[in-house]
Amino acid sequence: MNLGHLLWTVFGGAAITLALSYLLRRVLPRLTQKTNSDFDDFVLAALADAVIPIGLVTVLVLTEIDLNFPANIKTAYDIALRGLVTIVLVRFTNRVGARFLTSAARRTGGEDLQQLLKSLLPLLRAVVWTVGILVLLQSLGVQMTVVWGLLSAGGIGIGLALKEPAQELFAYLMILLDKPFTVGQFISTGSTSATVEKIGVRSTHLRSTRGELVVVSNSSLTGKTIQNFAEMKQRRMLYSIGVTYDTTVEQMKAIPSMIQAIIDQQEHSSFGRCHFTEFADSSLNFELAYYIDTRDYTVALNDQQAINLAIMEAFAQEGIEFAFPSQTVYLESDSGASQAR
């Protein structure tokens, strides 16, 4: 054993390690504090925490030759060093990776994405540990054929067991990234029209207009057509009004301007068009279109109701009657004269 070389290696390695630690903790942070991001500060802090274990492992590796261990002790010593290196690298990777992903999720501004990442971080850390252990075993010369076989068989079983949860998770990610709707918006999908109350990892909670809670799986939502009424800038109202054939030409001409005046009086409504469009079997039909500049369904219904009632009042004042399904039968008398009943 070369004692002098051993001591020089130990004290020299310790000095270099302490110097690097001081540099990472005291000097370099003054430079990174001038940047807008705090991620580089975090990386420096993580490196400063890892530099002492890394320095210790380096010193132990360099002194292995000087210690001149027997074969069996040397093997154990080598395994211990590889294990220490794996632990230091995996912990550093997990720490920096978790901070990077958390910062990225925070920059997106989505609370749901942050909550999802928080739930997945333990799984991601476990994956990194698994990869690190497998790399360590392979570096030690362990035959990985059996290990990979067991992992493959286990992966197939886990995949089959988690097929449905994984499907719902991917659908949840699609909702978060594509954002077809968000919490608080009113949507319609299939036969359900409701307000979104909660978007979960597996299902979405909707509150229908009747008040009951509707729980729909995320995969069902992403597989259907979704109408998002919250994205509307205005609502277009289109329907038909029929009056009787007794209505005079002057009254027919006055109806469009009459309806326009009624719609223009409403706070949230604007007139589109009103035209005499059809000679129907029992009515003279007008097609009416107007717009309501609100996404609030209740406000839209209030305006529609006010317009309908005002039209009824105006028609009553002008003597215009709404048509209803009717039929006129003409009977021919014996004298050949026609009588209408």
Protein backbone atom coordinates (compact mmCIF):
# COMPACT_ATOMS: atom_id res chain seq x y z
CA MET A 1 0.00 0.00 0.00
CA ASN A 2 1.37 3.42 -0.96
CA LEU A 3 0.32 5.44 2.09
CA GLY A 4 1.60 8.75 0.75
CA HIS A 5 -0.31 8.43 -2.50
CA LEU A 6 -3.39 7.33 -0.57
CA LEU A 7 -3.31 10.35 1.74
CA TRP A 8 -2.63 12.68 -1.19
CA THR A 9 -5.63 11.24 -3.04
CA VAL A 10 -7.94 11.51 0.00
CA PHE A 11 -6.97 15.05 1.01
CA GLY A 12 -6.72 16.27 -2.57
CA GLY A 13 -10.13 14.85 -3.45
CA ALA A 14 -11.64 16.35 -0.30
CA ALA A 15 -10.17 19.77 -1.09
CA ILE A 16 -11.44 19.72 -4.66
CA THR A 17 -14.87 18.58 -3.50
CA LEU A 18 -15.14 21.35 -0.89
CA ALA A 19 -13.94 23.92 -3.43
CA LEU A 20 -16.60 22.82 -5.94
CA SER A 21 -19.22 22.89 -3.20
CA TYR A 22 -18.24 26.46 -2.26
CA LEU A 23 -18.28 27.49 -5.92
CA LEU A 24 -21.75 26.03 -6.48
CA ARG A 25 -23.21 27.45 -3.26
CA ARG A 26 -21.57 30.88 -3.03
CA VAL A 27 -20.16 32.06 -6.34
CA LEU A 28 -22.29 30.77 -9.20
CA PRO A 29 -25.66 31.65 -7.57
CA ARG A 30 -24.70 35.34 -7.89
CA LEU A 31 -24.70 34.87 -11.64
CA THR A 32 -27.89 32.83 -11.89
CA GLN A 33 -29.82 35.28 -9.71
CA LYS A 34 -29.54 37.80 -12.53
CA THR A 35 -31.60 35.63 -14.87
CA ASN A 36 -35.40 35.74 -15.06
CA SER A 37 -35.83 32.01 -14.41
CA ASP A 38 -35.28 30.34 -11.05
CA PHE A 39 -34.77 26.90 -12.61
CA ASP A 40 -31.02 27.44 -13.02
CA ASP A 41 -30.83 28.38 -9.32
CA PHE A 42 -32.54 25.13 -8.45
CA VAL A 43 -30.17 23.10 -10.66
CA LEU A 44 -27.18 24.71 -8.96
CA ALA A 45 -28.62 23.90 -5.53
CA ALA A 46 -29.19 20.29 -6.61
CA LEU A 47 -25.61 20.05 -7.93
CA ALA A 48 -24.29 21.55 -4.69
CA ASP A 49 -26.15 18.90 -2.69
CA ALA A 50 -24.84 16.14 -4.96
CA VAL A 51 -21.22 17.28 -5.26
CA ILE A 52 -20.14 15.94 -1.87
CA PRO A 53 -21.52 12.39 -2.45
CA ILE A 54 -20.03 12.46 -5.97
CA GLY A 55 -16.69 13.61 -4.57
CA LEU A 56 -16.76 10.87 -1.94
CA VAL A 57 -17.45 8.21 -4.56
CA THR A 58 -14.66 9.60 -6.76
CA VAL A 59 -12.17 9.47 -3.90
CA LEU A 60 -13.19 5.90 -3.07
CA VAL A 61 -12.72 4.89 -6.72
CA LEU A 62 -9.27 6.51 -6.89
CA THR A 63 -8.12 4.89 -3.64
CA GLU A 64 -9.25 1.40 -4.66
CA ILE A 65 -5.87 0.58 -6.23
CA ASP A 66 -3.92 1.87 -3.22
CA LEU A 67 -6.01 -0.14 -0.76
CA ASN A 68 -5.15 -3.38 -2.56
CA PHE A 69 -8.16 -5.37 -1.30
CA PRO A 70 -8.47 -9.15 -1.68
CA ALA A 71 -10.57 -10.35 -4.61
CA ASN A 72 -13.77 -10.99 -2.63
CA ILE A 73 -13.58 -7.68 -0.75
CA LYS A 74 -12.69 -5.86 -3.95
CA THR A 75 -15.83 -7.24 -5.62
CA ALA A 76 -18.02 -6.10 -2.73
CA TYR A 77 -16.26 -2.72 -2.73
CA ASP A 78 -16.91 -2.31 -6.46
CA ILE A 79 -20.58 -3.23 -6.06
CA ALA A 80 -20.94 -0.71 -3.24
CA LEU A 81 -19.38 2.06 -5.33
CA ARG A 82 -21.62 1.33 -8.30
CA GLY A 83 -24.63 1.32 -5.99
CA LEU A 84 -23.63 4.71 -4.51
CA VAL A 85 -23.20 6.19 -8.00
CA THR A 86 -26.61 4.88 -9.05
CA ILE A 87 -28.30 6.33 -5.95
CA VAL A 88 -26.71 9.76 -6.41
CA LEU A 89 -27.57 9.95 -10.13
CA VAL A 90 -31.14 8.69 -9.71
CA ARG A 91 -31.87 11.11 -6.86
CA PHE A 92 -30.42 14.02 -8.84
CA THR A 93 -32.43 13.06 -11.94
CA ASN A 94 -35.66 12.72 -9.96
CA ARG A 95 -35.15 16.02 -8.19
CA VAL A 96 -34.31 18.08 -11.28
CA GLY A 97 -36.85 16.28 -13.48
CA ALA A 98 -39.68 16.80 -10.99
CA ARG A 99 -38.88 20.49 -10.70
CA PHE A 100 -38.70 20.90 -14.47
CA LEU A 101 -42.07 19.19 -15.04
CA THR A 102 -43.70 21.13 -12.20
CA SER A 103 -42.45 24.44 -13.60
CA ALA A 104 -43.67 23.51 -17.09
CA ALA A 105 -47.11 22.60 -15.75
CA ARG A 106 -47.28 25.84 -13.76
CA ARG A 107 -46.44 27.91 -16.84
CA THR A 108 -49.41 26.41 -18.68
CA GLY A 109 -51.69 27.86 -16.02
CA GLY A 110 -53.85 24.74 -15.82
CA GLU A 111 -54.64 23.65 -12.27
CA ASP A 112 -55.89 20.30 -13.53
CA LEU A 113 -52.58 19.60 -15.26
CA GLN A 114 -50.67 20.51 -12.10
CA GLN A 115 -52.87 18.20 -10.05
CA LEU A 116 -52.38 15.39 -12.57
CA LEU A 117 -48.60 15.83 -12.51
CA LYS A 118 -48.62 15.83 -8.72
CA SER A 119 -50.46 12.50 -8.81
CA LEU A 120 -48.09 11.02 -11.40
CA LEU A 121 -44.79 12.13 -9.85
CA PRO A 122 -44.47 9.09 -7.52
CA LEU A 123 -44.96 6.80 -10.53
CA LEU A 124 -42.39 8.73 -12.59
CA ARG A 125 -39.88 8.57 -9.75
CA ALA A 126 -40.44 4.82 -9.47
CA VAL A 127 -39.81 4.44 -13.20
CA VAL A 128 -36.49 6.31 -12.91
CA TRP A 129 -35.48 4.13 -9.95
CA THR A 130 -36.38 1.01 -11.93
CA VAL A 131 -34.30 2.10 -14.92
CA GLY A 132 -31.37 2.96 -12.64
CA ILE A 133 -31.50 -0.42 -10.91
CA LEU A 134 -31.68 -2.28 -14.22
CA VAL A 135 -28.67 -0.37 -15.54
CA LEU A 136 -26.81 -1.17 -12.31
CA LEU A 137 -27.59 -4.88 -12.58
CA GLN A 138 -26.50 -4.95 -16.21
CA SER A 139 -23.23 -3.17 -15.34
CA LEU A 140 -22.57 -5.83 -12.67
CA GLY A 141 -22.85 -8.57 -15.28
CA VAL A 142 -26.23 -9.93 -14.20
CA GLN A 143 -27.95 -11.94 -16.94
CA MET A 144 -30.86 -9.73 -17.91
CA THR A 145 -32.69 -12.25 -20.08
CA VAL A 146 -34.71 -13.63 -17.20
CA VAL A 147 -35.28 -10.15 -15.77
CA TRP A 148 -36.53 -8.78 -19.08
CA GLY A 149 -38.76 -11.83 -19.49
CA LEU A 150 -40.32 -11.29 -16.09
CA LEU A 151 -40.77 -7.59 -16.77
CA SER A 152 -42.36 -8.31 -20.15
CA ALA A 153 -44.80 -10.81 -18.67
CA GLY A 154 -45.61 -8.46 -15.81
CA GLY A 155 -46.02 -5.56 -18.22
CA ILE A 156 -48.52 -7.49 -20.32
CA GLY A 157 -50.55 -8.41 -17.23
CA ILE A 158 -50.45 -4.88 -15.88
CA GLY A 159 -51.37 -3.50 -19.31
CA LEU A 160 -54.45 -5.71 -19.54
CA ALA A 161 -55.48 -4.85 -15.99
CA LEU A 162 -55.00 -1.11 -16.53
CA LYS A 163 -56.47 -0.94 -20.03
CA GLU A 164 -59.62 0.91 -19.02
CA PRO A 165 -57.96 3.28 -16.50
CA ALA A 166 -55.25 4.07 -19.06
CA GLN A 167 -57.92 4.81 -21.67
CA GLU A 168 -59.65 7.21 -19.30
CA LEU A 169 -56.32 8.83 -18.40
CA PHE A 170 -55.47 9.47 -22.06
CA ALA A 171 -58.95 10.90 -22.59
CA TYR A 172 -58.37 13.17 -19.58
CA LEU A 173 -55.08 14.35 -21.09
CA MET A 174 -56.87 15.06 -24.38
CA ILE A 175 -59.44 17.18 -22.53
CA LEU A 176 -56.70 19.11 -20.71
CA LEU A 177 -54.62 19.73 -23.82
CA ASP A 178 -57.31 20.23 -26.46
CA LYS A 179 -59.74 21.97 -24.05
CA PRO A 180 -63.07 21.28 -25.77
CA PHE A 181 -64.63 22.59 -22.54
CA THR A 182 -63.61 23.85 -19.10
CA VAL A 183 -65.21 23.93 -15.66
CA GLY A 184 -68.23 26.25 -15.56
CA GLN A 185 -69.10 26.03 -19.26
CA PHE A 186 -72.47 24.85 -20.57
CA ILE A 187 -72.16 21.98 -23.06
CA SER A 188 -74.36 19.51 -24.86
CA THR A 189 -73.28 15.98 -25.71
CA GLY A 190 -75.65 13.30 -26.93
CA SER A 191 -78.93 13.77 -25.09
CA THR A 192 -77.32 15.60 -22.15
CA SER A 193 -77.16 19.39 -21.80
CA ALA A 194 -75.43 20.51 -18.62
CA THR A 195 -72.84 22.70 -16.93
CA VAL A 196 -69.37 21.25 -16.31
CA GLU A 197 -68.70 21.07 -12.56
CA LYS A 198 -65.55 18.94 -12.34
CA ILE A 199 -63.08 17.31 -14.73
CA GLY A 200 -61.57 14.26 -13.07
CA VAL A 201 -58.89 11.82 -14.12
CA ARG A 202 -61.49 9.13 -14.87
CA SER A 203 -64.78 10.98 -15.34
CA THR A 204 -66.36 14.41 -15.74
CA HIS A 205 -69.18 15.67 -13.51
CA LEU A 206 -71.99 17.61 -15.21
CA ARG A 207 -74.92 19.46 -13.63
CA SER A 208 -77.98 19.27 -15.86
CA THR A 209 -80.57 22.02 -16.26
CA ARG A 210 -82.95 19.95 -14.09
CA GLY A 211 -80.42 19.91 -11.25
CA GLU A 212 -79.24 16.30 -11.15
CA LEU A 213 -75.57 15.33 -11.28
CA VAL A 214 -74.52 13.48 -14.44
CA VAL A 215 -71.23 11.56 -14.31
CA VAL A 216 -69.79 10.76 -17.74
CA SER A 217 -66.56 8.87 -18.43
CA ASN A 218 -63.88 10.92 -20.18
CA SER A 219 -63.57 8.42 -23.03
CA SER A 220 -67.32 8.70 -23.69
CA LEU A 221 -67.07 12.49 -23.87
CA THR A 222 -64.10 12.55 -26.22
CA GLY A 223 -65.78 9.97 -28.45
CA LYS A 224 -68.91 12.09 -29.01
CA THR A 225 -69.71 15.41 -30.63
CA ILE A 226 -69.62 18.18 -28.01
CA GLN A 227 -71.50 21.44 -28.41
CA ASN A 228 -69.92 24.15 -26.25
CA PHE A 229 -72.40 26.99 -25.81
CA ALA A 230 -69.95 28.99 -23.70
CA GLU A 231 -67.89 29.72 -26.82
CA MET A 232 -70.82 31.40 -28.56
CA LYS A 233 -70.59 35.15 -29.03
CA GLN A 234 -74.31 35.31 -29.76
CA ARG A 235 -77.35 33.07 -30.06
CA ARG A 236 -79.28 32.88 -33.34
CA MET A 237 -83.02 32.44 -32.89
CA LEU A 238 -84.87 31.13 -35.95
CA TYR A 239 -88.52 30.12 -36.07
CA SER A 240 -91.74 30.46 -38.06
CA ILE A 241 -94.88 32.49 -37.35
CA GLY A 242 -98.14 31.65 -39.13
CA VAL A 243 -101.17 33.94 -39.53
CA THR A 244 -104.58 33.15 -40.96
CA TYR A 245 -105.62 33.63 -44.57
CA ASP A 246 -108.01 36.35 -43.40
CA THR A 247 -105.02 38.66 -42.86
CA THR A 248 -105.11 41.59 -45.28
CA VAL A 249 -102.26 42.59 -47.59
CA GLU A 250 -101.69 45.80 -45.62
CA GLN A 251 -101.38 43.79 -42.40
CA MET A 252 -99.00 41.34 -44.08
CA LYS A 253 -96.77 44.21 -45.20
CA ALA A 254 -96.75 45.70 -41.69
CA ILE A 255 -95.81 42.51 -39.86
CA PRO A 256 -91.99 42.53 -40.56
CA SER A 257 -91.50 46.14 -39.42
CA MET A 258 -93.79 45.50 -36.44
CA ILE A 259 -91.68 42.55 -35.31
CA GLN A 260 -88.43 44.44 -35.94
CA ALA A 261 -89.56 47.28 -33.67
CA ILE A 262 -90.39 44.76 -30.93
CA ILE A 263 -86.99 43.05 -31.15
CA ASP A 264 -85.07 46.34 -31.21
CA GLN A 265 -86.66 47.31 -27.90
CA GLN A 266 -84.98 44.39 -26.12
CA GLU A 267 -81.63 44.99 -24.38
CA HIS A 268 -79.77 41.92 -25.66
CA SER A 269 -81.51 41.30 -29.01
CA SER A 270 -80.84 42.54 -32.53
CA PHE A 271 -83.09 42.06 -35.54
CA GLY A 272 -81.92 39.82 -38.36
CA ARG A 273 -84.75 39.35 -40.85
CA CYS A 274 -88.47 38.63 -41.12
CA HIS A 275 -89.97 37.56 -44.46
CA PHE A 276 -93.26 36.22 -45.75
CA THR A 277 -92.05 32.87 -47.04
CA GLU A 278 -94.89 30.40 -47.57
CA PHE A 279 -98.51 29.85 -48.49
CA ALA A 280 -99.11 26.86 -46.24
CA ASP A 281 -102.22 24.68 -46.08
CA SER A 282 -103.78 26.62 -43.21
CA SER A 283 -101.51 29.63 -42.66
CA LEU A 284 -99.44 32.39 -44.20
CA ASN A 285 -95.99 31.83 -42.78
CA PHE A 286 -93.24 34.29 -41.86
CA GLU A 287 -89.69 33.20 -41.09
CA LEU A 288 -88.15 35.21 -38.26
CA ALA A 289 -84.44 35.39 -37.36
CA TYR A 290 -82.81 37.52 -34.66
CA TYR A 291 -79.73 37.41 -32.44
CA ILE A 292 -79.22 37.53 -28.69
CA ASP A 293 -75.77 38.80 -27.65
CA THR A 294 -75.29 36.73 -24.50
CA ARG A 295 -74.05 33.26 -23.53
CA ASP A 296 -76.34 33.23 -20.49
CA TYR A 297 -79.12 30.76 -21.29
CA THR A 298 -81.56 32.31 -18.79
CA VAL A 299 -81.07 35.82 -20.20
CA ALA A 300 -81.64 34.49 -23.72
CA LEU A 301 -84.88 32.81 -22.68
CA ASN A 302 -86.05 36.00 -20.95
CA ASP A 303 -85.53 38.01 -24.14
CA GLN A 304 -87.21 35.35 -26.27
CA GLN A 305 -90.19 35.24 -23.93
CA ALA A 306 -90.51 39.04 -23.93
CA ILE A 307 -90.40 39.14 -27.73
CA ASN A 308 -93.03 36.40 -28.10
CA LEU A 309 -95.42 38.10 -25.66
CA ALA A 310 -94.92 41.47 -27.35
CA ILE A 311 -95.69 39.92 -30.75
CA MET A 312 -98.92 38.45 -29.36
CA GLU A 313 -99.95 41.83 -27.93
CA ALA A 314 -99.14 43.68 -31.16
CA PHE A 315 -101.06 41.17 -33.28
CA ALA A 316 -104.06 41.41 -30.95
CA GLN A 317 -104.06 45.22 -31.22
CA GLU A 318 -103.93 45.06 -35.05
CA GLY A 319 -106.53 42.31 -35.30
CA ILE A 320 -104.08 39.78 -36.74
CA GLU A 321 -104.86 36.19 -35.81
CA PHE A 322 -102.39 33.36 -35.42
CA ALA A 323 -103.17 30.40 -37.62
CA PHE A 324 -103.86 26.93 -36.34
CA PRO A 325 -104.40 23.70 -38.32
CA SER A 326 -107.85 23.99 -39.94
CA GLN A 327 -109.71 22.72 -42.98
CA THR A 328 -112.53 24.20 -45.04
CA VAL A 329 -115.03 21.74 -46.58
CA TYR A 330 -117.15 22.81 -49.56
CA LEU A 331 -120.51 21.03 -50.02
CA GLU A 332 -122.40 21.15 -53.30
CA SER A 333 -126.24 21.37 -52.97
CA ASP A 334 -128.76 19.71 -55.23
CA SER A 335 -129.30 22.96 -57.10
CA GLY A 336 -125.61 23.01 -58.02
CA ALA A 337 -124.70 25.90 -55.72
CA SER A 338 -121.68 25.42 -53.56
CA GLN A 339 -121.91 25.99 -49.81
CA ALA A 340 -118.84 26.31 -47.59
CA ARG A 341 -118.92 24.90 -44.10
